[in-house]
Amino acid sequence: MVLKKSQLSQLAEPAKAKFINQLIILVGEQYPEEVLLEDPIQIRQRLTTLVEKARQYGFVREQHVALFVLFCMELGDDFDENSENKKITDRFKDRSITAQNRLDSVGNLIF
C-alpha cells in the first residue's frame, strides 16, 4: 500500500491541532496580551502561520518550533521582513549549525 502526500497530511492534522492547542496555552502564559484579547480563530490561524514559518527556517521539533513562536511574539510575526533584524534572520537561516544552537544564539541577541 502506498500513501499519497495528501493522505499523509490528513493523518498529521490531529497532531498538528493538538500542538497548536499547546502553543495557545504556552503563548497565553508568556504573552497573555497576545491571546486574551484576540479572537480564538485568529489566534489559531496566526500560530498555524508561525508554525509554517518555523518550518521554513528548518525548525521541525516541537520544542524548537515553540521557541521560534515565542521569539516571534517578542519580535513580531514579520520580524524577518525588517532590515533591523537582519542579524537575527541570518542566524535563523544558517543551516550550518544545529537548530538548537541557532535558537540559543538568537535568544542571546534578543534577551
Protein backbone atom coordinates (compact mmCIF):
# COMPACT_ATOMS: atom_id res chain seq x y z
CA MET A 1 0.00 0.00 0.00
CA VAL A 2 1.31 3.45 -0.93
CA LEU A 3 0.09 6.61 0.76
CA LYS A 4 -0.23 9.81 -1.21
CA LYS A 5 1.14 13.04 0.19
CA SER A 6 -2.40 14.33 0.77
CA GLN A 7 -3.22 11.21 2.78
CA LEU A 8 -0.14 11.68 4.93
CA SER A 9 -1.16 15.29 5.55
CA GLN A 10 -4.59 14.17 6.71
CA LEU A 11 -3.02 11.74 9.16
CA ALA A 12 -0.86 14.53 10.60
CA GLU A 13 -3.71 17.02 11.13
CA PRO A 14 -4.83 15.78 14.59
CA ALA A 15 -1.26 16.00 15.91
CA LYS A 16 -0.87 19.47 14.43
CA ALA A 17 -4.15 20.63 16.01
CA LYS A 18 -3.00 19.27 19.39
CA PHE A 19 0.32 21.08 19.06
CA ILE A 20 -1.44 24.36 18.19
CA ASN A 21 -3.59 23.93 21.31
CA GLN A 22 -0.41 23.51 23.38
CA LEU A 23 1.06 26.62 21.75
CA ILE A 24 -2.03 28.64 22.62
CA ILE A 25 -1.53 27.72 26.28
CA LEU A 26 2.21 28.45 26.17
CA VAL A 27 1.81 31.80 24.42
CA GLY A 28 -1.05 32.67 26.76
CA GLU A 29 1.21 32.07 29.77
CA GLN A 30 4.17 34.02 28.37
CA TYR A 31 2.33 36.72 26.40
CA PRO A 32 -1.24 36.87 27.73
CA GLU A 33 -1.97 40.08 25.84
CA GLU A 34 -1.40 38.18 22.59
CA VAL A 35 -4.04 35.60 23.43
CA LEU A 36 -6.59 37.01 25.86
CA LEU A 37 -7.61 39.98 23.73
CA GLU A 38 -7.80 38.16 20.42
CA ASP A 39 -10.41 36.07 18.66
CA PRO A 40 -9.64 32.34 19.21
CA ILE A 41 -9.94 31.60 15.48
CA GLN A 42 -7.47 34.37 14.64
CA ILE A 43 -5.05 33.14 17.30
CA ARG A 44 -5.18 29.62 15.88
CA GLN A 45 -4.59 30.95 12.34
CA ARG A 46 -1.74 33.16 13.50
CA LEU A 47 0.01 30.33 15.32
CA THR A 48 -0.51 27.97 12.39
CA THR A 49 1.18 30.55 10.14
CA LEU A 50 4.07 30.90 12.59
CA VAL A 51 4.50 27.12 12.77
CA GLU A 52 4.80 27.05 8.99
CA LYS A 53 7.31 29.91 9.12
CA ALA A 54 9.36 27.96 11.67
CA ARG A 55 9.43 25.00 9.30
CA GLN A 56 10.69 27.25 6.50
CA TYR A 57 13.67 28.04 8.72
CA GLY A 58 14.24 24.33 9.29
CA PHE A 59 12.73 24.03 12.76
CA VAL A 60 10.74 20.81 12.98
CA ARG A 61 10.97 19.59 16.58
CA GLU A 62 8.09 20.81 18.72
CA GLN A 63 10.44 22.39 21.25
CA HIS A 64 12.24 24.34 18.53
CA VAL A 65 9.02 25.44 16.85
CA ALA A 66 7.59 26.59 20.18
CA LEU A 67 10.69 28.63 20.94
CA PHE A 68 10.61 30.16 17.47
CA VAL A 69 6.95 31.15 18.03
CA LEU A 70 7.85 32.78 21.35
CA PHE A 71 10.61 34.75 19.62
CA CYS A 72 8.00 35.91 17.09
CA MET A 73 5.84 37.13 19.96
CA GLU A 74 8.80 39.20 21.11
CA LEU A 75 9.99 40.43 17.71
CA GLY A 76 6.76 40.50 15.71
CA ASP A 77 5.42 37.93 13.28
CA ASP A 78 7.16 39.56 10.31
CA PHE A 79 10.47 40.25 12.04
CA ASP A 80 12.30 38.81 9.05
CA GLU A 81 10.93 41.50 6.75
CA ASN A 82 12.54 44.25 8.84
CA SER A 83 16.11 45.12 7.90
CA GLU A 84 16.86 45.94 11.55
CA ASN A 85 16.52 42.22 12.28
CA LYS A 86 18.94 41.07 9.57
CA LYS A 87 21.38 39.62 12.09
CA ILE A 88 18.60 37.54 13.66
CA THR A 89 17.23 36.44 10.30
CA ASP A 90 20.71 35.46 9.13
CA ARG A 91 21.22 33.32 12.25
CA PHE A 92 17.90 31.56 11.71
CA LYS A 93 18.86 30.85 8.10
CA ASP A 94 22.32 29.46 8.91
CA ARG A 95 21.80 25.73 8.44
CA SER A 96 25.48 25.04 9.04
CA ILE A 97 24.75 24.99 12.77
CA THR A 98 22.15 22.97 14.65
CA ALA A 99 18.62 24.22 15.17
CA GLN A 100 19.15 24.45 18.93
CA ASN A 101 22.34 26.48 18.51
CA ARG A 102 20.60 28.86 16.10
CA LEU A 103 17.77 29.36 18.60
CA ASP A 104 20.19 29.82 21.51
CA SER A 105 22.14 32.36 19.52
CA VAL A 106 19.03 34.34 18.64
CA GLY A 107 17.85 34.14 22.24
CA ASN A 108 21.12 35.74 23.33
CA LEU A 109 20.61 38.52 20.78
CA ILE A 110 17.04 39.22 21.85
CA PHE A 111 17.36 38.95 25.60
